[in-house]
Amino acid sequence: MRVFARDLRDIDDCKIRLQKIEELTIKMGELVEANQKAVEDHDSRLCALEHRPSMWWDKLLSAGVSAGVAALVSLIASVIVR
């Protein structure tokens, strides 16, 4: 009888450990999902950062074209006024 009580206690301990393992497994799954979302967020942020210099070149080119057009219009206006 004493052996059976010890066996039952060991079985109960195993059940408790199994339950803890199951809980940890669920938490690990949630961490993996959260990590995947963070990686996707970092990917989109990196794409935005990599795209930003090209936007600066576009702005610089646009400003240069605007300055050139303004200079051309000023030249034409000065020729007409003279």
N, C-alpha and C. Protein backbone atom coordinates (compact mmCIF):
# COMPACT_ATOMS: atom_id res chain seq x y z
N MET A 1 0.81 -1.19 0.00
CA MET A 1 0.00 0.00 0.00
C MET A 1 0.86 1.26 0.00
N ARG A 2 1.96 1.21 0.73
CA ARG A 2 2.85 2.35 0.82
C ARG A 2 3.48 2.66 -0.54
N VAL A 3 3.79 1.65 -1.30
CA VAL A 3 4.36 1.82 -2.63
C VAL A 3 3.36 2.51 -3.55
N PHE A 4 2.12 2.11 -3.44
CA PHE A 4 1.11 2.71 -4.30
C PHE A 4 0.91 4.19 -3.99
N ALA A 5 0.97 4.56 -2.74
CA ALA A 5 0.82 5.98 -2.36
C ALA A 5 1.96 6.80 -2.94
N ARG A 6 3.17 6.25 -2.86
CA ARG A 6 4.32 6.96 -3.43
C ARG A 6 4.19 7.06 -4.95
N ASP A 7 3.73 5.99 -5.57
CA ASP A 7 3.53 6.01 -7.02
C ASP A 7 2.48 7.04 -7.41
N LEU A 8 1.40 7.11 -6.64
CA LEU A 8 0.35 8.09 -6.94
C LEU A 8 0.88 9.51 -6.77
N ARG A 9 1.70 9.74 -5.75
CA ARG A 9 2.29 11.06 -5.54
C ARG A 9 3.22 11.40 -6.70
N ASP A 10 4.01 10.43 -7.15
CA ASP A 10 4.90 10.65 -8.29
C ASP A 10 4.11 10.95 -9.56
N ILE A 11 3.02 10.24 -9.74
CA ILE A 11 2.15 10.50 -10.91
C ILE A 11 1.56 11.90 -10.83
N ASP A 12 1.11 12.31 -9.64
CA ASP A 12 0.58 13.66 -9.48
C ASP A 12 1.66 14.71 -9.76
N ASP A 13 2.88 14.46 -9.29
CA ASP A 13 3.99 15.38 -9.57
C ASP A 13 4.25 15.46 -11.08
N CYS A 14 4.18 14.33 -11.75
CA CYS A 14 4.38 14.32 -13.21
C CYS A 14 3.28 15.09 -13.92
N LYS A 15 2.05 14.96 -13.44
CA LYS A 15 0.94 15.69 -14.04
C LYS A 15 1.12 17.20 -13.87
N ILE A 16 1.58 17.61 -12.69
CA ILE A 16 1.83 19.04 -12.44
C ILE A 16 2.95 19.55 -13.35
N ARG A 17 4.01 18.76 -13.45
CA ARG A 17 5.11 19.15 -14.34
C ARG A 17 4.66 19.22 -15.79
N LEU A 18 3.85 18.27 -16.20
CA LEU A 18 3.33 18.26 -17.57
C LEU A 18 2.48 19.50 -17.82
N GLN A 19 1.67 19.86 -16.85
CA GLN A 19 0.83 21.06 -16.99
C GLN A 19 1.71 22.30 -17.12
N LYS A 20 2.78 22.38 -16.33
CA LYS A 20 3.70 23.52 -16.43
C LYS A 20 4.39 23.55 -17.79
N ILE A 21 4.76 22.38 -18.28
CA ILE A 21 5.39 22.30 -19.61
C ILE A 21 4.42 22.77 -20.69
N GLU A 22 3.16 22.36 -20.58
CA GLU A 22 2.16 22.79 -21.55
C GLU A 22 1.98 24.30 -21.51
N GLU A 23 1.95 24.89 -20.30
CA GLU A 23 1.81 26.34 -20.17
C GLU A 23 3.01 27.06 -20.78
N LEU A 24 4.21 26.51 -20.52
CA LEU A 24 5.40 27.12 -21.10
C LEU A 24 5.42 27.00 -22.62
N THR A 25 4.91 25.90 -23.13
CA THR A 25 4.84 25.72 -24.58
C THR A 25 3.91 26.76 -25.21
N ILE A 26 2.79 27.01 -24.56
CA ILE A 26 1.85 28.03 -25.06
C ILE A 26 2.51 29.40 -25.02
N LYS A 27 3.20 29.70 -23.91
CA LYS A 27 3.88 31.00 -23.81
C LYS A 27 4.97 31.14 -24.87
N MET A 28 5.68 30.07 -25.15
CA MET A 28 6.72 30.12 -26.19
C MET A 28 6.09 30.39 -27.56
N GLY A 29 4.94 29.78 -27.82
CA GLY A 29 4.25 30.05 -29.07
C GLY A 29 3.85 31.51 -29.18
N GLU A 30 3.38 32.09 -28.08
CA GLU A 30 3.02 33.50 -28.08
C GLU A 30 4.25 34.38 -28.30
N LEU A 31 5.37 34.00 -27.68
CA LEU A 31 6.61 34.76 -27.88
C LEU A 31 7.08 34.70 -29.33
N VAL A 32 6.94 33.53 -29.93
CA VAL A 32 7.34 33.38 -31.34
C VAL A 32 6.48 34.29 -32.22
N GLU A 33 5.18 34.32 -31.97
CA GLU A 33 4.29 35.19 -32.75
C GLU A 33 4.65 36.66 -32.54
N ALA A 34 4.89 37.06 -31.30
CA ALA A 34 5.26 38.44 -31.02
C ALA A 34 6.58 38.80 -31.68
N ASN A 35 7.51 37.86 -31.66
CA ASN A 35 8.81 38.10 -32.29
C ASN A 35 8.66 38.24 -33.80
N GLN A 36 7.81 37.43 -34.39
CA GLN A 36 7.58 37.51 -35.84
C GLN A 36 6.98 38.85 -36.21
N LYS A 37 6.03 39.34 -35.40
CA LYS A 37 5.43 40.65 -35.66
C LYS A 37 6.47 41.75 -35.53
N ALA A 38 7.36 41.63 -34.54
CA ALA A 38 8.42 42.63 -34.37
C ALA A 38 9.37 42.63 -35.56
N VAL A 39 9.69 41.44 -36.06
CA VAL A 39 10.58 41.35 -37.22
C VAL A 39 9.92 41.98 -38.44
N GLU A 40 8.64 41.73 -38.64
CA GLU A 40 7.92 42.34 -39.76
C GLU A 40 7.88 43.85 -39.62
N ASP A 41 7.69 44.34 -38.39
CA ASP A 41 7.68 45.78 -38.15
C ASP A 41 9.04 46.38 -38.46
N HIS A 42 10.10 45.69 -38.03
CA HIS A 42 11.45 46.18 -38.33
C HIS A 42 11.70 46.19 -39.83
N ASP A 43 11.19 45.20 -40.53
CA ASP A 43 11.38 45.13 -41.97
C ASP A 43 10.73 46.32 -42.66
N SER A 44 9.51 46.66 -42.25
CA SER A 44 8.83 47.80 -42.87
C SER A 44 9.54 49.11 -42.53
N ARG A 45 10.05 49.21 -41.29
CA ARG A 45 10.77 50.42 -40.90
C ARG A 45 12.08 50.54 -41.66
N LEU A 46 12.78 49.40 -41.88
CA LEU A 46 14.02 49.44 -42.64
C LEU A 46 13.76 49.83 -44.09
N CYS A 47 12.69 49.33 -44.66
CA CYS A 47 12.34 49.71 -46.03
C CYS A 47 12.11 51.21 -46.12
N ALA A 48 11.42 51.77 -45.12
CA ALA A 48 11.17 53.21 -45.12
C ALA A 48 12.48 53.99 -45.00
N LEU A 49 13.38 53.52 -44.15
CA LEU A 49 14.67 54.19 -44.00
C LEU A 49 15.52 54.09 -45.26
N GLU A 50 15.47 52.94 -45.91
CA GLU A 50 16.23 52.78 -47.14
C GLU A 50 15.65 53.62 -48.27
N HIS A 51 14.36 53.86 -48.23
CA HIS A 51 13.70 54.64 -49.28
C HIS A 51 13.92 56.14 -49.09
N ARG A 52 14.18 56.54 -47.86
CA ARG A 52 14.29 57.96 -47.54
C ARG A 52 15.37 58.70 -48.33
N PRO A 53 16.61 58.17 -48.50
CA PRO A 53 17.61 58.90 -49.29
C PRO A 53 17.17 59.15 -50.73
N SER A 54 16.47 58.22 -51.32
CA SER A 54 16.00 58.44 -52.69
C SER A 54 14.98 59.57 -52.72
N MET A 55 14.21 59.71 -51.64
CA MET A 55 13.27 60.82 -51.58
C MET A 55 14.03 62.14 -51.49
N TRP A 56 15.16 62.16 -50.77
CA TRP A 56 15.97 63.38 -50.69
C TRP A 56 16.51 63.76 -52.06
N TRP A 57 16.96 62.76 -52.81
CA TRP A 57 17.45 63.06 -54.16
C TRP A 57 16.33 63.59 -55.04
N ASP A 58 15.14 63.05 -54.88
CA ASP A 58 13.99 63.55 -55.65
C ASP A 58 13.71 65.01 -55.30
N LYS A 59 13.77 65.34 -54.00
CA LYS A 59 13.53 66.72 -53.58
C LYS A 59 14.63 67.64 -54.10
N LEU A 60 15.88 67.18 -54.04
CA LEU A 60 16.99 67.98 -54.53
C LEU A 60 16.87 68.21 -56.03
N LEU A 61 16.54 67.18 -56.77
CA LEU A 61 16.36 67.31 -58.21
C LEU A 61 15.21 68.24 -58.53
N SER A 62 14.12 68.12 -57.79
CA SER A 62 12.97 68.99 -57.99
C SER A 62 13.34 70.45 -57.71
N ALA A 63 14.11 70.68 -56.64
CA ALA A 63 14.54 72.04 -56.32
C ALA A 63 15.45 72.58 -57.41
N GLY A 64 16.33 71.74 -57.93
CA GLY A 64 17.22 72.16 -59.02
C GLY A 64 16.45 72.51 -60.28
N VAL A 65 15.49 71.70 -60.63
CA VAL A 65 14.67 71.98 -61.81
C VAL A 65 13.89 73.27 -61.60
N SER A 66 13.34 73.45 -60.41
CA SER A 66 12.59 74.68 -60.12
C SER A 66 13.49 75.91 -60.21
N ALA A 67 14.70 75.81 -59.68
CA ALA A 67 15.65 76.93 -59.76
C ALA A 67 16.02 77.21 -61.21
N GLY A 68 16.22 76.15 -61.99
CA GLY A 68 16.56 76.34 -63.40
C GLY A 68 15.43 77.00 -64.17
N VAL A 69 14.21 76.56 -63.92
CA VAL A 69 13.05 77.17 -64.59
C VAL A 69 12.90 78.63 -64.16
N ALA A 70 13.10 78.90 -62.87
CA ALA A 70 13.00 80.28 -62.39
C ALA A 70 14.07 81.16 -63.02
N ALA A 71 15.28 80.62 -63.17
CA ALA A 71 16.36 81.38 -63.81
C ALA A 71 16.03 81.63 -65.27
N LEU A 72 15.49 80.64 -65.95
CA LEU A 72 15.12 80.79 -67.36
C LEU A 72 14.02 81.83 -67.52
N VAL A 73 13.01 81.79 -66.66
CA VAL A 73 11.92 82.77 -66.71
C VAL A 73 12.47 84.16 -66.42
N SER A 74 13.39 84.28 -65.46
CA SER A 74 13.99 85.59 -65.16
C SER A 74 14.79 86.10 -66.33
N LEU A 75 15.53 85.23 -67.00
CA LEU A 75 16.30 85.63 -68.18
C LEU A 75 15.38 86.11 -69.29
N ILE A 76 14.32 85.37 -69.54
CA ILE A 76 13.37 85.77 -70.59
C ILE A 76 12.71 87.09 -70.23
N ALA A 77 12.36 87.27 -68.95
CA ALA A 77 11.73 88.52 -68.52
C ALA A 77 12.71 89.69 -68.66
N SER A 78 13.99 89.47 -68.35
CA SER A 78 14.96 90.56 -68.48
C SER A 78 15.21 90.92 -69.93
N VAL A 79 15.16 89.92 -70.81
CA VAL A 79 15.33 90.19 -72.24
C VAL A 79 14.14 90.97 -72.76
N ILE A 80 12.94 90.63 -72.31
CA ILE A 80 11.73 91.32 -72.77
C ILE A 80 11.71 92.75 -72.26
N VAL A 81 12.14 92.97 -71.06
CA VAL A 81 12.10 94.31 -70.46
C VAL A 81 13.10 95.23 -71.14
N ARG A 82 14.22 94.78 -71.56
CA ARG A 82 15.22 95.62 -72.21
C ARG A 82 14.78 96.01 -73.54
